[in-house]
PDB file of N, CA and C in Angstrom:
ATOM      1  N   MET A   1       0.011   0.201 -74.350  1.00  0.00           N
ATOM      2  CA  MET A   1      -0.729  -0.636 -74.821  1.00  0.00           C
ATOM      3  C   MET A   1      -0.880  -2.059 -74.169  1.00  0.00           C
ATOM      4  N   ALA A   2      -2.329  -2.388 -73.702  1.00  0.00           N
ATOM      5  CA  ALA A   2      -2.074  -3.481 -72.545  1.00  0.00           C
ATOM      6  C   ALA A   2      -2.182  -4.752 -73.302  1.00  0.00           C
ATOM      7  N   ALA A   3      -1.129  -5.658 -72.909  1.00  0.00           N
ATOM      8  CA  ALA A   3      -0.456  -6.758 -73.466  1.00  0.00           C
ATOM      9  C   ALA A   3      -1.941  -7.893 -73.137  1.00  0.00           C
ATOM     10  N   ARG A   4      -2.166  -7.933 -72.191  1.00  0.00           N
ATOM     11  CA  ARG A   4      -3.661  -8.782 -71.608  1.00  0.00           C
ATOM     12  C   ARG A   4      -4.603  -7.852 -70.591  1.00  0.00           C
ATOM     13  N   HIS A   5      -5.794  -8.028 -71.228  1.00  0.00           N
ATOM     14  CA  HIS A   5      -6.782  -7.185 -70.286  1.00  0.00           C
ATOM     15  C   HIS A   5      -8.140  -7.867 -70.282  1.00  0.00           C
ATOM     16  N   SER A   6      -9.081  -7.474 -69.485  1.00  0.00           N
ATOM     17  CA  SER A   6     -10.407  -8.014 -69.451  1.00  0.00           C
ATOM     18  C   SER A   6     -11.083  -7.456 -70.565  1.00  0.00           C
ATOM     19  N   LYS A   7     -12.199  -7.805 -71.003  1.00  0.00           N
ATOM     20  CA  LYS A   7     -12.913  -7.350 -71.921  1.00  0.00           C
ATOM     21  C   LYS A   7     -13.556  -5.988 -71.422  1.00  0.00           C
ATOM     22  N   HIS A   8     -13.578  -5.014 -72.409  1.00  0.00           N
ATOM     23  CA  HIS A   8     -14.065  -3.650 -72.043  1.00  0.00           C
ATOM     24  C   HIS A   8     -12.986  -2.846 -71.285  1.00  0.00           C
ATOM     25  N   THR A   9     -11.842  -3.306 -70.790  1.00  0.00           N
ATOM     26  CA  THR A   9     -10.891  -2.460 -70.423  1.00  0.00           C
ATOM     27  C   THR A   9      -9.962  -2.356 -71.073  1.00  0.00           C
ATOM     28  N   SER A  10      -9.216  -1.034 -70.817  1.00  0.00           N
ATOM     29  CA  SER A  10      -8.316  -0.449 -71.783  1.00  0.00           C
ATOM     30  C   SER A  10      -7.164   0.423 -71.164  1.00  0.00           C
ATOM     31  N   SER A  11      -6.113   0.725 -71.656  1.00  0.00           N
ATOM     32  CA  SER A  11      -5.247   1.477 -70.921  1.00  0.00           C
ATOM     33  C   SER A  11      -4.758   2.569 -72.097  1.00  0.00           C
ATOM     34  N   HIS A  12      -3.960   3.775 -71.567  1.00  0.00           N
ATOM     35  CA  HIS A  12      -3.316   4.564 -72.375  1.00  0.00           C
ATOM     36  C   HIS A  12      -2.065   5.337 -71.893  1.00  0.00           C
ATOM     37  N   ASN A  13      -1.269   5.891 -72.160  1.00  0.00           N
ATOM     38  CA  ASN A  13      -0.347   6.689 -72.035  1.00  0.00           C
ATOM     39  C   ASN A  13      -0.780   8.143 -72.064  1.00  0.00           C
ATOM     40  N   THR A  14      -0.899   9.075 -71.118  1.00  0.00           N
ATOM     41  CA  THR A  14      -1.095  10.003 -71.302  1.00  0.00           C
ATOM     42  C   THR A  14       0.198  11.336 -71.175  1.00  0.00           C
ATOM     43  N   GLY A  15       1.070  10.665 -70.865  1.00  0.00           N
ATOM     44  CA  GLY A  15       2.578  11.588 -70.845  1.00  0.00           C
ATOM     45  C   GLY A  15       3.712  10.577 -70.214  1.00  0.00           C
ATOM     46  N   THR A  16       4.546  10.824 -70.148  1.00  0.00           N
ATOM     47  CA  THR A  16       6.066  10.195 -69.726  1.00  0.00           C
ATOM     48  C   THR A  16       5.502   9.670 -68.068  1.00  0.00           C
ATOM     49  N   GLY A  17       5.618   8.270 -68.156  1.00  0.00           N
ATOM     50  CA  GLY A  17       5.440   7.798 -66.635  1.00  0.00           C
ATOM     51  C   GLY A  17       3.937   7.877 -66.337  1.00  0.00           C
ATOM     52  N   GLN A  18       3.096   8.635 -67.184  1.00  0.00           N
ATOM     53  CA  GLN A  18       1.617   8.556 -66.592  1.00  0.00           C
ATOM     54  C   GLN A  18       0.993   7.799 -67.547  1.00  0.00           C
ATOM     55  N   TYR A  19      -0.217   6.884 -67.004  1.00  0.00           N
ATOM     56  CA  TYR A  19      -1.220   6.014 -67.745  1.00  0.00           C
ATOM     57  C   TYR A  19      -2.493   6.438 -67.095  1.00  0.00           C
ATOM     58  N   VAL A  20      -3.491   5.897 -67.735  1.00  0.00           N
ATOM     59  CA  VAL A  20      -4.691   5.573 -67.323  1.00  0.00           C
ATOM     60  C   VAL A  20      -5.542   4.505 -67.573  1.00  0.00           C
ATOM     61  N   MET A  21      -6.143   3.769 -66.698  1.00  0.00           N
ATOM     62  CA  MET A  21      -6.571   2.330 -67.101  1.00  0.00           C
ATOM     63  C   MET A  21      -8.119   2.631 -67.214  1.00  0.00           C
ATOM     64  N   VAL A  22      -9.117   2.487 -67.967  1.00  0.00           N
ATOM     65  CA  VAL A  22     -10.436   2.631 -68.441  1.00  0.00           C
ATOM     66  C   VAL A  22     -11.181   1.466 -68.236  1.00  0.00           C
ATOM     67  N   THR A  23     -12.318   1.238 -67.605  1.00  0.00           N
ATOM     68  CA  THR A  23     -13.282   0.319 -67.614  1.00  0.00           C
ATOM     69  C   THR A  23     -14.604   0.677 -67.795  1.00  0.00           C
ATOM     70  N   HIS A  24     -15.442  -0.177 -68.185  1.00  0.00           N
ATOM     71  CA  HIS A  24     -16.985   0.276 -68.357  1.00  0.00           C
ATOM     72  C   HIS A  24     -17.824   0.096 -66.852  1.00  0.00           C
ATOM     73  N   HIS A  25     -16.988  -0.095 -65.880  1.00  0.00           N
ATOM     74  CA  HIS A  25     -17.836  -0.064 -64.558  1.00  0.00           C
ATOM     75  C   HIS A  25     -16.954   1.080 -63.961  1.00  0.00           C
ATOM     76  N   SER A  26     -17.719   1.379 -62.746  1.00  0.00           N
ATOM     77  CA  SER A  26     -17.324   2.386 -61.818  1.00  0.00           C
ATOM     78  C   SER A  26     -16.418   1.545 -61.091  1.00  0.00           C
ATOM     79  N   LEU A  27     -15.428   2.489 -60.630  1.00  0.00           N
ATOM     80  CA  LEU A  27     -13.952   1.658 -59.725  1.00  0.00           C
ATOM     81  C   LEU A  27     -14.453   2.201 -58.345  1.00  0.00           C
ATOM     82  N   ALA A  28     -15.305   3.207 -58.096  1.00  0.00           N
ATOM     83  CA  ALA A  28     -15.571   3.726 -56.800  1.00  0.00           C
ATOM     84  C   ALA A  28     -15.277   3.113 -55.516  1.00  0.00           C
ATOM     85  N   ALA A  29     -15.746   1.582 -55.828  1.00  0.00           N
ATOM     86  CA  ALA A  29     -15.959   0.956 -54.555  1.00  0.00           C
ATOM     87  C   ALA A  29     -15.155  -0.423 -54.890  1.00  0.00           C
ATOM     88  N   CYS A  30     -13.825  -0.276 -55.908  1.00  0.00           N
ATOM     89  CA  CYS A  30     -12.725  -1.371 -56.042  1.00  0.00           C
ATOM     90  C   CYS A  30     -11.271  -0.926 -55.278  1.00  0.00           C
ATOM     91  N   ALA A  31     -10.915  -2.146 -55.093  1.00  0.00           N
ATOM     92  CA  ALA A  31      -9.377  -1.746 -54.746  1.00  0.00           C
ATOM     93  C   ALA A  31      -8.353  -1.728 -55.926  1.00  0.00           C
ATOM     94  N   GLU A  32      -7.365  -1.135 -56.319  1.00  0.00           N
ATOM     95  CA  GLU A  32      -6.676  -0.926 -57.345  1.00  0.00           C
ATOM     96  C   GLU A  32      -5.200  -1.614 -56.847  1.00  0.00           C
ATOM     97  N   VAL A  33      -4.369  -2.145 -57.335  1.00  0.00           N
ATOM     98  CA  VAL A  33      -2.946  -2.406 -57.089  1.00  0.00           C
ATOM     99  C   VAL A  33      -2.396  -2.321 -58.260  1.00  0.00           C
ATOM    100  N   ALA A  34      -1.094  -2.070 -58.142  1.00  0.00           N
ATOM    101  CA  ALA A  34      -0.362  -2.046 -59.239  1.00  0.00           C
ATOM    102  C   ALA A  34       1.275  -2.556 -58.958  1.00  0.00           C
ATOM    103  N   THR A  35       1.903  -3.122 -59.750  1.00  0.00           N
ATOM    104  CA  THR A  35       3.139  -3.398 -59.870  1.00  0.00           C
ATOM    105  C   THR A  35       4.176  -3.225 -60.894  1.00  0.00           C
ATOM    106  N   ARG A  36       5.643  -3.251 -60.690  1.00  0.00           N
ATOM    107  CA  ARG A  36       6.413  -3.177 -61.740  1.00  0.00           C
ATOM    108  C   ARG A  36       6.404  -4.450 -62.655  1.00  0.00           C
ATOM    109  N   GLY A  37       6.516  -4.324 -63.858  1.00  0.00           N
ATOM    110  CA  GLY A  37       5.823  -5.856 -64.667  1.00  0.00           C
ATOM    111  C   GLY A  37       6.919  -5.712 -65.693  1.00  0.00           C
ATOM    112  N   SER A  38       6.992  -6.972 -66.786  1.00  0.00           N
ATOM    113  CA  SER A  38       7.827  -7.058 -67.552  1.00  0.00           C
ATOM    114  C   SER A  38       7.150  -7.415 -68.857  1.00  0.00           C
ATOM    115  N   VAL A  39       7.590  -7.455 -70.150  1.00  0.00           N
ATOM    116  CA  VAL A  39       6.920  -7.810 -71.513  1.00  0.00           C
ATOM    117  C   VAL A  39       7.227  -8.956 -71.655  1.00  0.00           C
ATOM    118  N   ASN A  40       8.204  -9.671 -71.085  1.00  0.00           N
ATOM    119  CA  ASN A  40       8.466 -11.183 -71.547  1.00  0.00           C
ATOM    120  C   ASN A  40       8.970 -11.651 -70.021  1.00  0.00           C
ATOM    121  N   THR A  41       9.964 -12.645 -70.229  1.00  0.00           N
ATOM    122  CA  THR A  41      10.410 -13.430 -69.091  1.00  0.00           C
ATOM    123  C   THR A  41      11.769 -13.028 -68.246  1.00  0.00           C
ATOM    124  N   SER A  42      11.905 -11.580 -68.821  1.00  0.00           N
ATOM    125  CA  SER A  42      13.354 -11.298 -68.032  1.00  0.00           C
ATOM    126  C   SER A  42      12.857 -10.545 -66.961  1.00  0.00           C
ATOM    127  N   VAL A  43      13.823 -10.094 -66.058  1.00  0.00           N
ATOM    128  CA  VAL A  43      13.593  -9.411 -65.122  1.00  0.00           C
ATOM    129  C   VAL A  43      13.820  -7.891 -65.382  1.00  0.00           C
ATOM    130  N   PRO A  44      13.132  -6.913 -65.199  1.00  0.00           N
ATOM    131  CA  PRO A  44      13.024  -5.527 -65.670  1.00  0.00           C
ATOM    132  C   PRO A  44      14.529  -4.869 -65.006  1.00  0.00           C
ATOM    133  N   TYR A  45      15.437  -4.297 -65.543  1.00  0.00           N
ATOM    134  CA  TYR A  45      16.591  -3.742 -65.115  1.00  0.00           C
ATOM    135  C   TYR A  45      16.184  -2.132 -64.510  1.00  0.00           C
ATOM    136  N   THR A  46      15.646  -1.355 -65.156  1.00  0.00           N
ATOM    137  CA  THR A  46      15.548   0.109 -64.584  1.00  0.00           C
ATOM    138  C   THR A  46      14.486   0.048 -63.347  1.00  0.00           C
ATOM    139  N   PRO A  47      15.152   0.291 -62.310  1.00  0.00           N
ATOM    140  CA  PRO A  47      14.406   0.077 -60.930  1.00  0.00           C
ATOM    141  C   PRO A  47      13.463   1.350 -60.754  1.00  0.00           C
ATOM    142  N   THR A  48      12.159   1.062 -60.745  1.00  0.00           N
ATOM    143  CA  THR A  48      10.994   2.187 -60.735  1.00  0.00           C
ATOM    144  C   THR A  48       9.902   1.906 -59.755  1.00  0.00           C
ATOM    145  N   THR A  49       9.154   2.651 -59.366  1.00  0.00           N
ATOM    146  CA  THR A  49       7.859   2.438 -58.590  1.00  0.00           C
ATOM    147  C   THR A  49       6.606   2.952 -59.121  1.00  0.00           C
ATOM    148  N   VAL A  50       5.686   2.154 -59.040  1.00  0.00           N
ATOM    149  CA  VAL A  50       4.592   2.276 -59.613  1.00  0.00           C
ATOM    150  C   VAL A  50       3.476   2.603 -58.541  1.00  0.00           C
ATOM    151  N   GLU A  51       2.667   3.728 -58.658  1.00  0.00           N
ATOM    152  CA  GLU A  51       1.659   4.094 -57.906  1.00  0.00           C
ATOM    153  C   GLU A  51       0.505   4.268 -58.481  1.00  0.00           C
ATOM    154  N   ILE A  52      -0.423   4.032 -57.803  1.00  0.00           N
ATOM    155  CA  ILE A  52      -2.238   4.282 -58.152  1.00  0.00           C
ATOM    156  C   ILE A  52      -2.388   5.852 -57.850  1.00  0.00           C
ATOM    157  N   THR A  53      -2.854   6.485 -58.496  1.00  0.00           N
ATOM    158  CA  THR A  53      -3.482   7.834 -58.727  1.00  0.00           C
ATOM    159  C   THR A  53      -4.858   8.070 -59.058  1.00  0.00           C
ATOM    160  N   PRO A  54      -5.537   9.095 -58.680  1.00  0.00           N
ATOM    161  CA  PRO A  54      -6.941   9.079 -59.042  1.00  0.00           C
ATOM    162  C   PRO A  54      -7.319   9.188 -60.401  1.00  0.00           C
ATOM    163  N   GLY A  55      -8.126   8.769 -60.734  1.00  0.00           N
ATOM    164  CA  GLY A  55      -8.278   9.007 -62.469  1.00  0.00           C
ATOM    165  C   GLY A  55      -9.273  10.119 -62.601  1.00  0.00           C
ATOM    166  N   PRO A  56      -9.346  10.501 -64.042  1.00  0.00           N
ATOM    167  CA  PRO A  56     -10.077  11.576 -64.372  1.00  0.00           C
ATOM    168  C   PRO A  56     -11.768  11.438 -64.138  1.00  0.00           C
ATOM    169  N   GLU A  57     -12.398  10.278 -64.087  1.00  0.00           N
ATOM    170  CA  GLU A  57     -13.509   9.840 -64.074  1.00  0.00           C
ATOM    171  C   GLU A  57     -13.813   8.431 -63.104  1.00  0.00           C
ATOM    172  N   SER A  58     -15.111   8.371 -62.543  1.00  0.00           N
ATOM    173  CA  SER A  58     -15.114   7.424 -61.548  1.00  0.00           C
ATOM    174  C   SER A  58     -14.731   5.923 -62.226  1.00  0.00           C
ATOM    175  N   ASN A  59     -14.849   5.809 -63.723  1.00  0.00           N
ATOM    176  CA  ASN A  59     -14.648   4.381 -64.152  1.00  0.00           C
ATOM    177  C   ASN A  59     -13.083   4.352 -64.904  1.00  0.00           C
ATOM    178  N   THR A  60     -12.179   5.159 -64.355  1.00  0.00           N
ATOM    179  CA  THR A  60     -10.815   5.320 -64.340  1.00  0.00           C
ATOM    180  C   THR A  60      -9.708   5.447 -63.351  1.00  0.00           C
ATOM    181  N   VAL A  61      -8.585   4.588 -63.438  1.00  0.00           N
ATOM    182  CA  VAL A  61      -7.637   4.953 -62.341  1.00  0.00           C
ATOM    183  C   VAL A  61      -6.426   5.396 -62.964  1.00  0.00           C
ATOM    184  N   GLY A  62      -5.869   6.405 -62.520  1.00  0.00           N
ATOM    185  CA  GLY A  62      -4.332   6.550 -62.951  1.00  0.00           C
ATOM    186  C   GLY A  62      -3.192   5.611 -62.461  1.00  0.00           C
ATOM    187  N   ILE A  63      -2.249   5.702 -63.260  1.00  0.00           N
ATOM    188  CA  ILE A  63      -1.025   4.682 -62.846  1.00  0.00           C
ATOM    189  C   ILE A  63       0.240   5.501 -62.930  1.00  0.00           C
ATOM    190  N   GLN A  64       1.128   5.862 -62.042  1.00  0.00           N
ATOM    191  CA  GLN A  64       2.268   6.754 -62.084  1.00  0.00           C
ATOM    192  C   GLN A  64       3.429   5.883 -61.991  1.00  0.00           C
ATOM    193  N   VAL A  65       4.230   6.061 -63.288  1.00  0.00           N
ATOM    194  CA  VAL A  65       5.654   4.949 -62.951  1.00  0.00           C
ATOM    195  C   VAL A  65       6.834   6.097 -62.956  1.00  0.00           C
ATOM    196  N   ARG A  66       7.568   5.677 -61.757  1.00  0.00           N
ATOM    197  CA  ARG A  66       8.954   6.813 -61.816  1.00  0.00           C
ATOM    198  C   ARG A  66      10.201   5.838 -61.072  1.00  0.00           C
ATOM    199  N   ASP A  67      11.381   6.489 -61.827  1.00  0.00           N
ATOM    200  CA  ASP A  67      12.592   5.918 -61.268  1.00  0.00           C
ATOM    201  C   ASP A  67      12.610   6.168 -59.822  1.00  0.00           C
ATOM    202  N   LEU A  68      13.326   5.184 -59.311  1.00  0.00           N
ATOM    203  CA  LEU A  68      13.613   5.197 -57.889  1.00  0.00           C
ATOM    204  C   LEU A  68      14.078   6.690 -57.476  1.00  0.00           C
ATOM    205  N   LEU A  69      13.952   7.403 -56.270  1.00  0.00           N
ATOM    206  CA  LEU A  69      14.463   8.507 -55.983  1.00  0.00           C
ATOM    207  C   LEU A  69      16.240   8.506 -56.232  1.00  0.00           C
ATOM    208  N   PHE A  70      16.719   7.309 -55.755  1.00  0.00           N
ATOM    209  CA  PHE A  70      18.274   6.951 -55.977  1.00  0.00           C
ATOM    210  C   PHE A  70      18.609   7.773 -57.284  1.00  0.00           C
ATOM    211  N   PHE A  71      17.673   7.238 -58.272  1.00  0.00           N
ATOM    212  CA  PHE A  71      18.182   7.600 -59.576  1.00  0.00           C
ATOM    213  C   PHE A  71      17.150   8.886 -60.349  1.00  0.00           C
ATOM    214  N   GLY A  72      16.768   9.624 -59.393  1.00  0.00           N
ATOM    215  CA  GLY A  72      16.375  10.935 -59.710  1.00  0.00           C
ATOM    216  C   GLY A  72      14.613  11.126 -59.568  1.00  0.00           C
ATOM    217  N   GLY A  73      14.027   9.947 -59.380  1.00  0.00           N
ATOM    218  CA  GLY A  73      12.678   9.825 -59.440  1.00  0.00           C
ATOM    219  C   GLY A  73      11.761  10.635 -60.271  1.00  0.00           C
ATOM    220  N   ASN A  74      12.447  10.378 -61.530  1.00  0.00           N
ATOM    221  CA  ASN A  74      11.730  11.104 -62.780  1.00  0.00           C
ATOM    222  C   ASN A  74      10.629  10.361 -63.255  1.00  0.00           C
ATOM    223  N   PRO A  75       9.863  10.703 -63.884  1.00  0.00           N
ATOM    224  CA  PRO A  75       8.750  10.003 -64.653  1.00  0.00           C
ATOM    225  C   PRO A  75       9.419   8.787 -65.641  1.00  0.00           C
ATOM    226  N   ASP A  76       8.829   7.650 -65.760  1.00  0.00           N
ATOM    227  CA  ASP A  76       9.958   6.864 -66.870  1.00  0.00           C
ATOM    228  C   ASP A  76       8.458   5.931 -67.107  1.00  0.00           C
ATOM    229  N   ASN A  77       8.448   5.641 -68.533  1.00  0.00           N
ATOM    230  CA  ASN A  77       7.884   4.874 -69.440  1.00  0.00           C
ATOM    231  C   ASN A  77       8.426   3.296 -69.288  1.00  0.00           C
ATOM    232  N   GLN A  78       7.858   2.653 -68.230  1.00  0.00           N
ATOM    233  CA  GLN A  78       8.239   1.129 -68.100  1.00  0.00           C
ATOM    234  C   GLN A  78       6.975   0.271 -68.017  1.00  0.00           C
ATOM    235  N   SER A  79       7.174  -0.956 -67.977  1.00  0.00           N
ATOM    236  CA  SER A  79       5.752  -2.127 -68.108  1.00  0.00           C
ATOM    237  C   SER A  79       5.430  -2.337 -66.491  1.00  0.00           C
ATOM    238  N   PHE A  80       4.433  -2.388 -66.441  1.00  0.00           N
ATOM    239  CA  PHE A  80       3.630  -2.582 -64.949  1.00  0.00           C
ATOM    240  C   PHE A  80       2.327  -3.409 -65.419  1.00  0.00           C
ATOM    241  N   HIS A  81       2.006  -3.917 -64.045  1.00  0.00           N
ATOM    242  CA  HIS A  81       0.695  -4.713 -64.117  1.00  0.00           C
ATOM    243  C   HIS A  81       0.093  -3.893 -63.257  1.00  0.00           C
ATOM    244  N   VAL A  82      -1.356  -3.790 -63.518  1.00  0.00           N
ATOM    245  CA  VAL A  82      -2.557  -3.165 -62.727  1.00  0.00           C
ATOM    246  C   VAL A  82      -3.690  -4.152 -62.634  1.00  0.00           C
ATOM    247  N   ALA A  83      -4.285  -4.281 -61.280  1.00  0.00           N
ATOM    248  CA  ALA A  83      -5.427  -5.121 -61.549  1.00  0.00           C
ATOM    249  C   ALA A  83      -6.702  -3.879 -60.465  1.00  0.00           C
ATOM    250  N   ALA A  84      -7.871  -4.151 -60.817  1.00  0.00           N
ATOM    251  CA  ALA A  84      -8.929  -3.850 -59.767  1.00  0.00           C
ATOM    252  C   ALA A  84      -9.665  -4.877 -59.296  1.00  0.00           C
ATOM    253  N   VAL A  85     -10.130  -4.894 -57.786  1.00  0.00           N
ATOM    254  CA  VAL A  85     -10.747  -5.739 -57.519  1.00  0.00           C
ATOM    255  C   VAL A  85     -11.844  -5.419 -57.066  1.00  0.00           C
ATOM    256  N   CYS A  86     -12.987  -5.707 -57.319  1.00  0.00           N
ATOM    257  CA  CYS A  86     -14.211  -4.675 -57.131  1.00  0.00           C
ATOM    258  C   CYS A  86     -15.286  -6.320 -56.207  1.00  0.00           C
TER     259      CYS A  86
END
């Protein structure tokens, strides 16, 4: 569930560590960035990576969250920030 987002933009969890961000504009000419985040002011404890992946449609982008390889590299539901700059 998005904590803060632009109007007409949403995200949803499609599986463990798999998310899709959806907007009403095509993201084909946009740059996306995602980072590990937090839902409050504390520092996240579980070390994870966040990667941008292709979305199923031109107005979507995939986000994949995984534990660091040292900790197994498994998909993990953790907080993150994502932005698209067009």
